[in-house]
């Protein structure tokens, strides 16, 4: 019984390390799907900021963005679940979004 508890604690400890189990979640940060998710996240962020809280504007932009990438909101939600607990992947998402927005800041300013 004690060996089982120790094995369970050891497994949980390994899975909480940043790189131990995150790759088993199926998120390949070099995959086209990951890049598509980052693009969607970036473009949706831009659309949200440009909408100035006008929900009809944002929703039409959102639908257009997702359609242009060949995805829908269910795909975004499913991919977000794949990233759950993968702090390194989320860090890469945010860094990519920030880098893209920084590069486009002049064209986004009114």
PDB file of N, CA and C in Angstrom:
ATOM      1  N   UNK A   1       0.819  -1.190   0.000  1.00  0.00           N
ATOM      2  CA  UNK A   1       0.000   0.000   0.000  1.00  0.00           C
ATOM      3  C   UNK A   1       0.867   1.259   0.000  1.00  0.00           C
ATOM      4  N   UNK A   2       1.903   1.270   0.840  1.00  0.00           N
ATOM      5  CA  UNK A   2       2.784   2.438   0.891  1.00  0.00           C
ATOM      6  C   UNK A   2       3.518   2.651  -0.422  1.00  0.00           C
ATOM      7  N   UNK A   3       3.884   1.544  -1.107  1.00  0.00           N
ATOM      8  CA  UNK A   3       4.559   1.673  -2.405  1.00  0.00           C
ATOM      9  C   UNK A   3       3.624   2.294  -3.437  1.00  0.00           C
ATOM     10  N   UNK A   4       2.349   1.951  -3.366  1.00  0.00           N
ATOM     11  CA  UNK A   4       1.372   2.511  -4.285  1.00  0.00           C
ATOM     12  C   UNK A   4       1.226   4.013  -4.066  1.00  0.00           C
ATOM     13  N   UNK A   5       1.165   4.428  -2.810  1.00  0.00           N
ATOM     14  CA  UNK A   5       1.046   5.848  -2.488  1.00  0.00           C
ATOM     15  C   UNK A   5       2.293   6.596  -2.933  1.00  0.00           C
ATOM     16  N   UNK A   6       3.476   6.013  -2.690  1.00  0.00           N
ATOM     17  CA  UNK A   6       4.719   6.652  -3.122  1.00  0.00           C
ATOM     18  C   UNK A   6       4.783   6.759  -4.644  1.00  0.00           C
ATOM     19  N   UNK A   7       4.339   5.723  -5.344  1.00  0.00           N
ATOM     20  CA  UNK A   7       4.332   5.755  -6.800  1.00  0.00           C
ATOM     21  C   UNK A   7       3.383   6.835  -7.303  1.00  0.00           C
ATOM     22  N   UNK A   8       2.227   6.959  -6.665  1.00  0.00           N
ATOM     23  CA  UNK A   8       1.259   7.975  -7.043  1.00  0.00           C
ATOM     24  C   UNK A   8       1.826   9.379  -6.812  1.00  0.00           C
ATOM     25  N   UNK A   9       2.445   9.599  -5.676  1.00  0.00           N
ATOM     26  CA  UNK A   9       3.052  10.902  -5.370  1.00  0.00           C
ATOM     27  C   UNK A   9       4.175  11.208  -6.365  1.00  0.00           C
ATOM     28  N   UNK A  10       4.982  10.207  -6.682  1.00  0.00           N
ATOM     29  CA  UNK A  10       6.067  10.388  -7.636  1.00  0.00           C
ATOM     30  C   UNK A  10       5.522  10.769  -9.016  1.00  0.00           C
ATOM     31  N   UNK A  11       4.477  10.097  -9.452  1.00  0.00           N
ATOM     32  CA  UNK A  11       3.873  10.391 -10.753  1.00  0.00           C
ATOM     33  C   UNK A  11       3.291  11.792 -10.789  1.00  0.00           C
ATOM     34  N   UNK A  12       2.583  12.164  -9.740  1.00  0.00           N
ATOM     35  CA  UNK A  12       2.002  13.510  -9.674  1.00  0.00           C
ATOM     36  C   UNK A  12       3.111  14.561  -9.685  1.00  0.00           C
ATOM     37  N   UNK A  13       4.173  14.319  -8.961  1.00  0.00           N
ATOM     38  CA  UNK A  13       5.295  15.250  -8.919  1.00  0.00           C
ATOM     39  C   UNK A  13       5.918  15.407 -10.300  1.00  0.00           C
ATOM     40  N   UNK A  14       6.115  14.318 -11.002  1.00  0.00           N
ATOM     41  CA  UNK A  14       6.684  14.398 -12.347  1.00  0.00           C
ATOM     42  C   UNK A  14       5.788  15.174 -13.291  1.00  0.00           C
ATOM     43  N   UNK A  15       4.490  14.989 -13.153  1.00  0.00           N
ATOM     44  CA  UNK A  15       3.558  15.665 -14.054  1.00  0.00           C
ATOM     45  C   UNK A  15       3.415  17.148 -13.762  1.00  0.00           C
ATOM     46  N   UNK A  16       3.817  17.578 -12.612  1.00  0.00           N
ATOM     47  CA  UNK A  16       3.732  18.999 -12.306  1.00  0.00           C
ATOM     48  C   UNK A  16       4.985  19.754 -12.727  1.00  0.00           C
ATOM     49  N   UNK A  17       6.033  19.042 -13.099  1.00  0.00           N
ATOM     50  CA  UNK A  17       7.217  19.716 -13.624  1.00  0.00           C
ATOM     51  C   UNK A  17       6.886  20.282 -14.989  1.00  0.00           C
ATOM     52  N   UNK A  18       7.389  21.462 -15.330  1.00  0.00           N
ATOM     53  CA  UNK A  18       6.981  22.147 -16.559  1.00  0.00           C
ATOM     54  C   UNK A  18       7.098  21.328 -17.837  1.00  0.00           C
ATOM     55  N   UNK A  19       8.152  20.575 -17.998  1.00  0.00           N
ATOM     56  CA  UNK A  19       8.314  19.895 -19.285  1.00  0.00           C
ATOM     57  C   UNK A  19       8.062  18.403 -19.218  1.00  0.00           C
ATOM     58  N   UNK A  20       7.712  17.864 -18.079  1.00  0.00           N
ATOM     59  CA  UNK A  20       7.585  16.427 -17.948  1.00  0.00           C
ATOM     60  C   UNK A  20       6.420  15.841 -18.713  1.00  0.00           C
ATOM     61  N   UNK A  21       5.231  16.363 -18.486  1.00  0.00           N
ATOM     62  CA  UNK A  21       4.055  15.760 -19.088  1.00  0.00           C
ATOM     63  C   UNK A  21       3.374  16.636 -20.116  1.00  0.00           C
ATOM     64  N   UNK A  22       3.828  17.850 -20.282  1.00  0.00           N
ATOM     65  CA  UNK A  22       3.131  18.754 -21.190  1.00  0.00           C
ATOM     66  C   UNK A  22       3.171  18.264 -22.631  1.00  0.00           C
ATOM     67  N   UNK A  23       4.236  17.588 -23.030  1.00  0.00           N
ATOM     68  CA  UNK A  23       4.312  17.106 -24.396  1.00  0.00           C
ATOM     69  C   UNK A  23       3.350  15.956 -24.630  1.00  0.00           C
ATOM     70  N   UNK A  24       2.972  15.237 -23.570  1.00  0.00           N
ATOM     71  CA  UNK A  24       2.026  14.148 -23.708  1.00  0.00           C
ATOM     72  C   UNK A  24       0.618  14.663 -23.943  1.00  0.00           C
ATOM     73  N   UNK A  25       0.371  15.914 -23.757  1.00  0.00           N
ATOM     74  CA  UNK A  25      -0.953  16.478 -23.954  1.00  0.00           C
ATOM     75  C   UNK A  25      -1.276  16.650 -25.437  1.00  0.00           C
ATOM     76  N   UNK A  26      -0.323  16.385 -26.305  1.00  0.00           N
ATOM     77  CA  UNK A  26      -0.588  16.450 -27.721  1.00  0.00           C
ATOM     78  C   UNK A  26      -0.384  17.819 -28.349  1.00  0.00           C
ATOM     79  N   UNK A  27       0.330  18.706 -27.681  1.00  0.00           N
ATOM     80  CA  UNK A  27       0.560  20.038 -28.237  1.00  0.00           C
ATOM     81  C   UNK A  27       1.985  20.102 -28.777  1.00  0.00           C
ATOM     82  N   UNK A  28       2.070  20.088 -30.085  1.00  0.00           N
ATOM     83  CA  UNK A  28       3.353  20.257 -30.757  1.00  0.00           C
ATOM     84  C   UNK A  28       3.440  21.715 -31.168  1.00  0.00           C
ATOM     85  N   UNK A  29       4.342  22.451 -30.528  1.00  0.00           N
ATOM     86  CA  UNK A  29       4.414  23.893 -30.769  1.00  0.00           C
ATOM     87  C   UNK A  29       4.967  24.253 -32.143  1.00  0.00           C
ATOM     88  N   UNK A  30       5.382  23.264 -32.900  1.00  0.00           N
ATOM     89  CA  UNK A  30       5.830  23.502 -34.271  1.00  0.00           C
ATOM     90  C   UNK A  30       4.775  23.090 -35.288  1.00  0.00           C
ATOM     91  N   UNK A  31       3.649  22.617 -34.803  1.00  0.00           N
ATOM     92  CA  UNK A  31       2.608  22.114 -35.700  1.00  0.00           C
ATOM     93  C   UNK A  31       1.841  23.253 -36.368  1.00  0.00           C
ATOM     94  N   UNK A  32       1.278  22.972 -37.536  1.00  0.00           N
ATOM     95  CA  UNK A  32       0.437  23.983 -38.199  1.00  0.00           C
ATOM     96  C   UNK A  32      -0.765  24.375 -37.337  1.00  0.00           C
ATOM     97  N   UNK A  33      -1.288  23.427 -36.555  1.00  0.00           N
ATOM     98  CA  UNK A  33      -2.433  23.729 -35.697  1.00  0.00           C
ATOM     99  C   UNK A  33      -2.065  24.748 -34.619  1.00  0.00           C
ATOM    100  N   UNK A  34      -0.880  24.597 -34.021  1.00  0.00           N
ATOM    101  CA  UNK A  34      -0.445  25.547 -32.998  1.00  0.00           C
ATOM    102  C   UNK A  34      -0.277  26.928 -33.624  1.00  0.00           C
ATOM    103  N   UNK A  35       0.337  26.977 -34.785  1.00  0.00           N
ATOM    104  CA  UNK A  35       0.540  28.261 -35.467  1.00  0.00           C
ATOM    105  C   UNK A  35      -0.805  28.890 -35.843  1.00  0.00           C
ATOM    106  N   UNK A  36      -1.756  28.057 -36.248  1.00  0.00           N
ATOM    107  CA  UNK A  36      -3.087  28.550 -36.588  1.00  0.00           C
ATOM    108  C   UNK A  36      -3.779  29.112 -35.344  1.00  0.00           C
ATOM    109  N   UNK A  37      -3.608  28.433 -34.208  1.00  0.00           N
ATOM    110  CA  UNK A  37      -4.196  28.908 -32.960  1.00  0.00           C
ATOM    111  C   UNK A  37      -3.600  30.260 -32.580  1.00  0.00           C
ATOM    112  N   UNK A  38      -2.288  30.391 -32.686  1.00  0.00           N
ATOM    113  CA  UNK A  38      -1.626  31.658 -32.361  1.00  0.00           C
ATOM    114  C   UNK A  38      -2.128  32.767 -33.286  1.00  0.00           C
ATOM    115  N   UNK A  39      -2.262  32.452 -34.570  1.00  0.00           N
ATOM    116  CA  UNK A  39      -2.784  33.454 -35.525  1.00  0.00           C
ATOM    117  C   UNK A  39      -4.197  33.868 -35.156  1.00  0.00           C
ATOM    118  N   UNK A  40      -5.030  32.891 -34.845  1.00  0.00           N
ATOM    119  CA  UNK A  40      -6.416  33.190 -34.464  1.00  0.00           C
ATOM    120  C   UNK A  40      -6.451  34.043 -33.207  1.00  0.00           C
ATOM    121  N   UNK A  41      -5.659  33.676 -32.222  1.00  0.00           N
ATOM    122  CA  UNK A  41      -5.630  34.407 -30.961  1.00  0.00           C
ATOM    123  C   UNK A  41      -5.186  35.842 -31.190  1.00  0.00           C
ATOM    124  N   UNK A  42      -4.177  36.016 -32.038  1.00  0.00           N
ATOM    125  CA  UNK A  42      -3.667  37.359 -32.348  1.00  0.00           C
ATOM    126  C   UNK A  42      -4.731  38.193 -33.038  1.00  0.00           C
ATOM    127  N   UNK A  43      -5.309  37.647 -34.092  1.00  0.00           N
ATOM    128  CA  UNK A  43      -6.298  38.398 -34.865  1.00  0.00           C
ATOM    129  C   UNK A  43      -7.556  38.695 -34.056  1.00  0.00           C
ATOM    130  N   UNK A  44      -7.961  37.746 -33.209  1.00  0.00           N
ATOM    131  CA  UNK A  44      -9.126  37.993 -32.352  1.00  0.00           C
ATOM    132  C   UNK A  44      -8.832  39.094 -31.328  1.00  0.00           C
ATOM    133  N   UNK A  45      -7.596  39.129 -30.846  1.00  0.00           N
ATOM    134  CA  UNK A  45      -7.201  40.191 -29.912  1.00  0.00           C
ATOM    135  C   UNK A  45      -7.267  41.557 -30.586  1.00  0.00           C
ATOM    136  N   UNK A  46      -6.775  41.634 -31.817  1.00  0.00           N
ATOM    137  CA  UNK A  46      -6.826  42.883 -32.571  1.00  0.00           C
ATOM    138  C   UNK A  46      -8.279  43.294 -32.798  1.00  0.00           C
ATOM    139  N   UNK A  47      -9.098  42.340 -33.238  1.00  0.00           N
ATOM    140  CA  UNK A  47     -10.514  42.644 -33.498  1.00  0.00           C
ATOM    141  C   UNK A  47     -11.211  43.137 -32.241  1.00  0.00           C
ATOM    142  N   UNK A  48     -10.894  42.523 -31.111  1.00  0.00           N
ATOM    143  CA  UNK A  48     -11.521  42.946 -29.861  1.00  0.00           C
ATOM    144  C   UNK A  48     -11.144  44.380 -29.523  1.00  0.00           C
ATOM    145  N   UNK A  49      -9.871  44.701 -29.665  1.00  0.00           N
ATOM    146  CA  UNK A  49      -9.426  46.060 -29.361  1.00  0.00           C
ATOM    147  C   UNK A  49     -10.031  47.079 -30.315  1.00  0.00           C
ATOM    148  N   UNK A  50     -10.115  46.732 -31.581  1.00  0.00           N
ATOM    149  CA  UNK A  50     -10.668  47.659 -32.571  1.00  0.00           C
ATOM    150  C   UNK A  50     -12.180  47.813 -32.452  1.00  0.00           C
ATOM    151  N   UNK A  51     -12.836  46.834 -31.845  1.00  0.00           N
ATOM    152  CA  UNK A  51     -14.296  46.880 -31.739  1.00  0.00           C
ATOM    153  C   UNK A  51     -14.776  47.945 -30.762  1.00  0.00           C
ATOM    154  N   UNK A  52     -13.888  48.374 -29.875  1.00  0.00           N
ATOM    155  CA  UNK A  52     -14.254  49.380 -28.853  1.00  0.00           C
ATOM    156  C   UNK A  52     -15.555  49.000 -28.153  1.00  0.00           C
ATOM    157  N   UNK A  53     -15.626  47.721 -27.825  1.00  0.00           N
ATOM    158  CA  UNK A  53     -16.754  47.158 -27.067  1.00  0.00           C
ATOM    159  C   UNK A  53     -18.071  47.106 -27.860  1.00  0.00           C
ATOM    160  N   UNK A  54     -17.995  47.246 -29.179  1.00  0.00           N
ATOM    161  CA  UNK A  54     -19.167  47.099 -30.045  1.00  0.00           C
ATOM    162  C   UNK A  54     -19.269  45.611 -30.396  1.00  0.00           C
ATOM    163  N   UNK A  55     -20.164  44.913 -29.725  1.00  0.00           N
ATOM    164  CA  UNK A  55     -20.223  43.461 -29.870  1.00  0.00           C
ATOM    165  C   UNK A  55     -20.592  43.012 -31.283  1.00  0.00           C
ATOM    166  N   UNK A  56     -21.452  43.739 -31.974  1.00  0.00           N
ATOM    167  CA  UNK A  56     -21.814  43.331 -33.336  1.00  0.00           C
ATOM    168  C   UNK A  56     -20.617  43.435 -34.275  1.00  0.00           C
ATOM    169  N   UNK A  57     -19.794  44.476 -34.107  1.00  0.00           N
ATOM    170  CA  UNK A  57     -18.580  44.621 -34.910  1.00  0.00           C
ATOM    171  C   UNK A  57     -17.631  43.460 -34.611  1.00  0.00           C
ATOM    172  N   UNK A  58     -17.422  43.200 -33.314  1.00  0.00           N
ATOM    173  CA  UNK A  58     -16.503  42.122 -32.935  1.00  0.00           C
ATOM    174  C   UNK A  58     -16.976  40.774 -33.459  1.00  0.00           C
ATOM    175  N   UNK A  59     -18.255  40.472 -33.305  1.00  0.00           N
ATOM    176  CA  UNK A  59     -18.769  39.170 -33.736  1.00  0.00           C
ATOM    177  C   UNK A  59     -18.618  38.969 -35.238  1.00  0.00           C
ATOM    178  N   UNK A  60     -18.849  39.998 -36.020  1.00  0.00           N
ATOM    179  CA  UNK A  60     -18.677  39.853 -37.472  1.00  0.00           C
ATOM    180  C   UNK A  60     -17.202  39.660 -37.820  1.00  0.00           C
ATOM    181  N   UNK A  61     -16.333  40.396 -37.144  1.00  0.00           N
ATOM    182  CA  UNK A  61     -14.890  40.231 -37.356  1.00  0.00           C
ATOM    183  C   UNK A  61     -14.437  38.837 -36.920  1.00  0.00           C
ATOM    184  N   UNK A  62     -14.941  38.393 -35.764  1.00  0.00           N
ATOM    185  CA  UNK A  62     -14.580  37.068 -35.251  1.00  0.00           C
ATOM    186  C   UNK A  62     -14.941  35.989 -36.266  1.00  0.00           C
ATOM    187  N   UNK A  63     -16.163  36.050 -36.777  1.00  0.00           N
ATOM    188  CA  UNK A  63     -16.609  35.049 -37.746  1.00  0.00           C
ATOM    189  C   UNK A  63     -15.743  35.078 -39.005  1.00  0.00           C
ATOM    190  N   UNK A  64     -15.394  36.268 -39.450  1.00  0.00           N
ATOM    191  CA  UNK A  64     -14.559  36.421 -40.636  1.00  0.00           C
ATOM    192  C   UNK A  64     -13.150  35.861 -40.396  1.00  0.00           C
ATOM    193  N   UNK A  65     -12.592  36.155 -39.246  1.00  0.00           N
ATOM    194  CA  UNK A  65     -11.245  35.686 -38.903  1.00  0.00           C
ATOM    195  C   UNK A  65     -11.221  34.164 -38.842  1.00  0.00           C
ATOM    196  N   UNK A  66     -12.169  33.590 -38.117  1.00  0.00           N
ATOM    197  CA  UNK A  66     -12.203  32.135 -37.975  1.00  0.00           C
ATOM    198  C   UNK A  66     -12.412  31.457 -39.325  1.00  0.00           C
ATOM    199  N   UNK A  67     -13.304  32.014 -40.150  1.00  0.00           N
ATOM    200  CA  UNK A  67     -13.550  31.437 -41.478  1.00  0.00           C
ATOM    201  C   UNK A  67     -12.301  31.496 -42.347  1.00  0.00           C
ATOM    202  N   UNK A  68     -11.570  32.610 -42.266  1.00  0.00           N
ATOM    203  CA  UNK A  68     -10.359  32.748 -43.089  1.00  0.00           C
ATOM    204  C   UNK A  68      -9.281  31.748 -42.683  1.00  0.00           C
ATOM    205  N   UNK A  69      -9.309  31.329 -41.432  1.00  0.00           N
ATOM    206  CA  UNK A  69      -8.338  30.341 -40.946  1.00  0.00           C
ATOM    207  C   UNK A  69      -8.857  28.910 -41.073  1.00  0.00           C
ATOM    208  N   UNK A  70     -10.110  28.780 -41.465  1.00  0.00           N
ATOM    209  CA  UNK A  70     -10.691  27.449 -41.629  1.00  0.00           C
ATOM    210  C   UNK A  70     -11.004  26.752 -40.321  1.00  0.00           C
ATOM    211  N   UNK A  71     -11.332  27.549 -39.283  1.00  0.00           N
ATOM    212  CA  UNK A  71     -11.667  26.985 -37.974  1.00  0.00           C
ATOM    213  C   UNK A  71     -12.974  27.610 -37.489  1.00  0.00           C
ATOM    214  N   UNK A  72     -13.463  27.102 -36.379  1.00  0.00           N
ATOM    215  CA  UNK A  72     -14.641  27.698 -35.742  1.00  0.00           C
ATOM    216  C   UNK A  72     -14.385  27.811 -34.242  1.00  0.00           C
ATOM    217  N   UNK A  73     -15.348  28.353 -33.531  1.00  0.00           N
ATOM    218  CA  UNK A  73     -15.153  28.567 -32.096  1.00  0.00           C
ATOM    219  C   UNK A  73     -14.993  27.245 -31.343  1.00  0.00           C
ATOM    220  N   UNK A  74     -15.609  26.175 -31.836  1.00  0.00           N
ATOM    221  CA  UNK A  74     -15.449  24.859 -31.191  1.00  0.00           C
ATOM    222  C   UNK A  74     -14.000  24.378 -31.321  1.00  0.00           C
ATOM    223  N   UNK A  75     -13.388  24.626 -32.487  1.00  0.00           N
ATOM    224  CA  UNK A  75     -11.990  24.238 -32.677  1.00  0.00           C
ATOM    225  C   UNK A  75     -11.097  25.019 -31.707  1.00  0.00           C
ATOM    226  N   UNK A  76     -11.369  26.316 -31.573  1.00  0.00           N
ATOM    227  CA  UNK A  76     -10.588  27.148 -30.636  1.00  0.00           C
ATOM    228  C   UNK A  76     -10.729  26.601 -29.219  1.00  0.00           C
ATOM    229  N   UNK A  77     -11.956  26.281 -28.809  1.00  0.00           N
ATOM    230  CA  UNK A  77     -12.197  25.751 -27.459  1.00  0.00           C
ATOM    231  C   UNK A  77     -11.483  24.417 -27.261  1.00  0.00           C
ATOM    232  N   UNK A  78     -11.542  23.536 -28.263  1.00  0.00           N
ATOM    233  CA  UNK A  78     -10.860  22.244 -28.159  1.00  0.00           C
ATOM    234  C   UNK A  78      -9.353  22.410 -28.066  1.00  0.00           C
ATOM    235  N   UNK A  79      -8.797  23.313 -28.867  1.00  0.00           N
ATOM    236  CA  UNK A  79      -7.350  23.518 -28.829  1.00  0.00           C
ATOM    237  C   UNK A  79      -6.941  24.142 -27.497  1.00  0.00           C
ATOM    238  N   UNK A  80      -7.776  25.024 -26.978  1.00  0.00           N
ATOM    239  CA  UNK A  80      -7.495  25.635 -25.679  1.00  0.00           C
ATOM    240  C   UNK A  80      -7.426  24.557 -24.601  1.00  0.00           C
ATOM    241  N   UNK A  81      -8.304  23.565 -24.685  1.00  0.00           N
ATOM    242  CA  UNK A  81      -8.271  22.453 -23.717  1.00  0.00           C
ATOM    243  C   UNK A  81      -6.976  21.663 -23.830  1.00  0.00           C
ATOM    244  N   UNK A  82      -6.460  21.511 -25.052  1.00  0.00           N
ATOM    245  CA  UNK A  82      -5.190  20.808 -25.231  1.00  0.00           C
ATOM    246  C   UNK A  82      -4.045  21.545 -24.546  1.00  0.00           C
ATOM    247  N   UNK A  83      -4.157  22.865 -24.472  1.00  0.00           N
ATOM    248  CA  UNK A  83      -3.107  23.670 -23.847  1.00  0.00           C
ATOM    249  C   UNK A  83      -3.233  23.739 -22.331  1.00  0.00           C
ATOM    250  N   UNK A  84      -4.323  23.237 -21.814  1.00  0.00           N
ATOM    251  CA  UNK A  84      -4.595  23.305 -20.383  1.00  0.00           C
ATOM    252  C   UNK A  84      -3.420  22.715 -19.595  1.00  0.00           C
ATOM    253  N   UNK A  85      -2.886  23.499 -18.700  1.00  0.00           N
ATOM    254  CA  UNK A  85      -1.792  23.041 -17.847  1.00  0.00           C
ATOM    255  C   UNK A  85      -0.416  23.135 -18.485  1.00  0.00           C
ATOM    256  N   UNK A  86      -0.333  23.479 -19.757  1.00  0.00           N
ATOM    257  CA  UNK A  86       0.956  23.583 -20.436  1.00  0.00           C
ATOM    258  C   UNK A  86       1.400  25.044 -20.411  1.00  0.00           C
ATOM    259  N   UNK A  87       2.037  25.419 -19.325  1.00  0.00           N
ATOM    260  CA  UNK A  87       2.436  26.809 -19.128  1.00  0.00           C
ATOM    261  C   UNK A  87       3.432  27.280 -20.181  1.00  0.00           C
ATOM    262  N   UNK A  88       4.303  26.394 -20.616  1.00  0.00           N
ATOM    263  CA  UNK A  88       5.283  26.774 -21.636  1.00  0.00           C
ATOM    264  C   UNK A  88       4.599  27.092 -22.962  1.00  0.00           C
ATOM    265  N   UNK A  89       3.584  26.321 -23.315  1.00  0.00           N
ATOM    266  CA  UNK A  89       2.857  26.570 -24.562  1.00  0.00           C
ATOM    267  C   UNK A  89       2.117  27.898 -24.478  1.00  0.00           C
ATOM    268  N   UNK A  90       1.460  28.158 -23.339  1.00  0.00           N
ATOM    269  CA  UNK A  90       0.751  29.437 -23.183  1.00  0.00           C
ATOM    270  C   UNK A  90       1.717  30.608 -23.220  1.00  0.00           C
ATOM    271  N   UNK A  91       2.889  30.432 -22.624  1.00  0.00           N
ATOM    272  CA  UNK A  91       3.897  31.493 -22.681  1.00  0.00           C
ATOM    273  C   UNK A  91       4.279  31.775 -24.124  1.00  0.00           C
ATOM    274  N   UNK A  92       4.453  30.716 -24.902  1.00  0.00           N
ATOM    275  CA  UNK A  92       4.796  30.903 -26.315  1.00  0.00           C
ATOM    276  C   UNK A  92       3.661  31.586 -27.080  1.00  0.00           C
ATOM    277  N   UNK A  93       2.415  31.228 -26.756  1.00  0.00           N
ATOM    278  CA  UNK A  93       1.268  31.887 -27.394  1.00  0.00           C
ATOM    279  C   UNK A  93       1.327  33.383 -27.110  1.00  0.00           C
ATOM    280  N   UNK A  94       1.454  33.752 -25.834  1.00  0.00           N
ATOM    281  CA  UNK A  94       1.450  35.166 -25.456  1.00  0.00           C
ATOM    282  C   UNK A  94       2.636  35.914 -26.046  1.00  0.00           C
ATOM    283  N   UNK A  95       3.800  35.269 -26.068  1.00  0.00           N
ATOM    284  CA  UNK A  95       4.979  35.925 -26.652  1.00  0.00           C
ATOM    285  C   UNK A  95       4.786  36.156 -28.150  1.00  0.00           C
ATOM    286  N   UNK A  96       4.205  35.178 -28.830  1.00  0.00           N
ATOM    287  CA  UNK A  96       3.957  35.331 -30.271  1.00  0.00           C
ATOM    288  C   UNK A  96       2.937  36.428 -30.541  1.00  0.00           C
ATOM    289  N   UNK A  97       1.890  36.465 -29.733  1.00  0.00           N
ATOM    290  CA  UNK A  97       0.872  37.504 -29.883  1.00  0.00           C
ATOM    291  C   UNK A  97       1.496  38.880 -29.657  1.00  0.00           C
ATOM    292  N   UNK A  98       2.254  39.015 -28.584  1.00  0.00           N
ATOM    293  CA  UNK A  98       2.886  40.298 -28.263  1.00  0.00           C
ATOM    294  C   UNK A  98       3.852  40.733 -29.366  1.00  0.00           C
ATOM    295  N   UNK A  99       4.628  39.791 -29.880  1.00  0.00           N
ATOM    296  CA  UNK A  99       5.585  40.107 -30.944  1.00  0.00           C
ATOM    297  C   UNK A  99       4.862  40.575 -32.210  1.00  0.00           C
ATOM    298  N   UNK A 100       3.796  39.873 -32.568  1.00  0.00           N
ATOM    299  CA  UNK A 100       3.036  40.243 -33.762  1.00  0.00           C
ATOM    300  C   UNK A 100       2.373  41.601 -33.594  1.00  0.00           C
ATOM    301  N   UNK A 101       1.764  41.817 -32.429  1.00  0.00           N
ATOM    302  CA  UNK A 101       1.100  43.095 -32.185  1.00  0.00           C
ATOM    303  C   UNK A 101       2.096  44.242 -32.167  1.00  0.00           C
ATOM    304  N   UNK A 102       3.261  43.988 -31.593  1.00  0.00           N
ATOM    305  CA  UNK A 102       4.288  45.028 -31.564  1.00  0.00           C
ATOM    306  C   UNK A 102       4.737  45.387 -32.983  1.00  0.00           C
ATOM    307  N   UNK A 103       4.888  44.367 -33.828  1.00  0.00           N
ATOM    308  CA  UNK A 103       5.309  44.613 -35.204  1.00  0.00           C
ATOM    309  C   UNK A 103       4.237  45.357 -35.998  1.00  0.00           C
ATOM    310  N   UNK A 104       2.978  45.195 -35.613  1.00  0.00           N
ATOM    311  CA  UNK A 104       1.882  45.818 -36.337  1.00  0.00           C
ATOM    312  C   UNK A 104       1.323  47.066 -35.663  1.00  0.00           C
ATOM    313  N   UNK A 105       1.946  47.510 -34.581  1.00  0.00           N
ATOM    314  CA  UNK A 105       1.364  48.604 -33.796  1.00  0.00           C
ATOM    315  C   UNK A 105       1.142  49.881 -34.588  1.00  0.00           C
ATOM    316  N   UNK A 106       2.046  50.197 -35.509  1.00  0.00           N
ATOM    317  CA  UNK A 106       1.885  51.417 -36.293  1.00  0.00           C
ATOM    318  C   UNK A 106       0.661  51.340 -37.207  1.00  0.00           C
ATOM    319  N   UNK A 107       0.409  50.162 -37.749  1.00  0.00           N
ATOM    320  CA  UNK A 107      -0.736  50.022 -38.648  1.00  0.00           C
ATOM    321  C   UNK A 107      -2.051  49.903 -37.882  1.00  0.00           C
ATOM    322  N   UNK A 108      -1.973  49.624 -36.603  1.00  0.00           N
ATOM    323  CA  UNK A 108      -3.180  49.476 -35.792  1.00  0.00           C
ATOM    324  C   UNK A 108      -3.602  50.769 -35.111  1.00  0.00           C
ATOM    325  N   UNK A 109      -2.693  51.714 -35.039  1.00  0.00           N
ATOM    326  CA  UNK A 109      -3.002  52.982 -34.392  1.00  0.00           C
ATOM    327  C   UNK A 109      -3.837  53.862 -35.335  1.00  0.00           C
ATOM    328  N   UNK A 110      -4.866  54.530 -34.807  1.00  0.00           N
ATOM    329  CA  UNK A 110      -5.687  55.396 -35.666  1.00  0.00           C
ATOM    330  C   UNK A 110      -4.955  56.647 -36.088  1.00  0.00           C
TER     331      UNK A 110
END
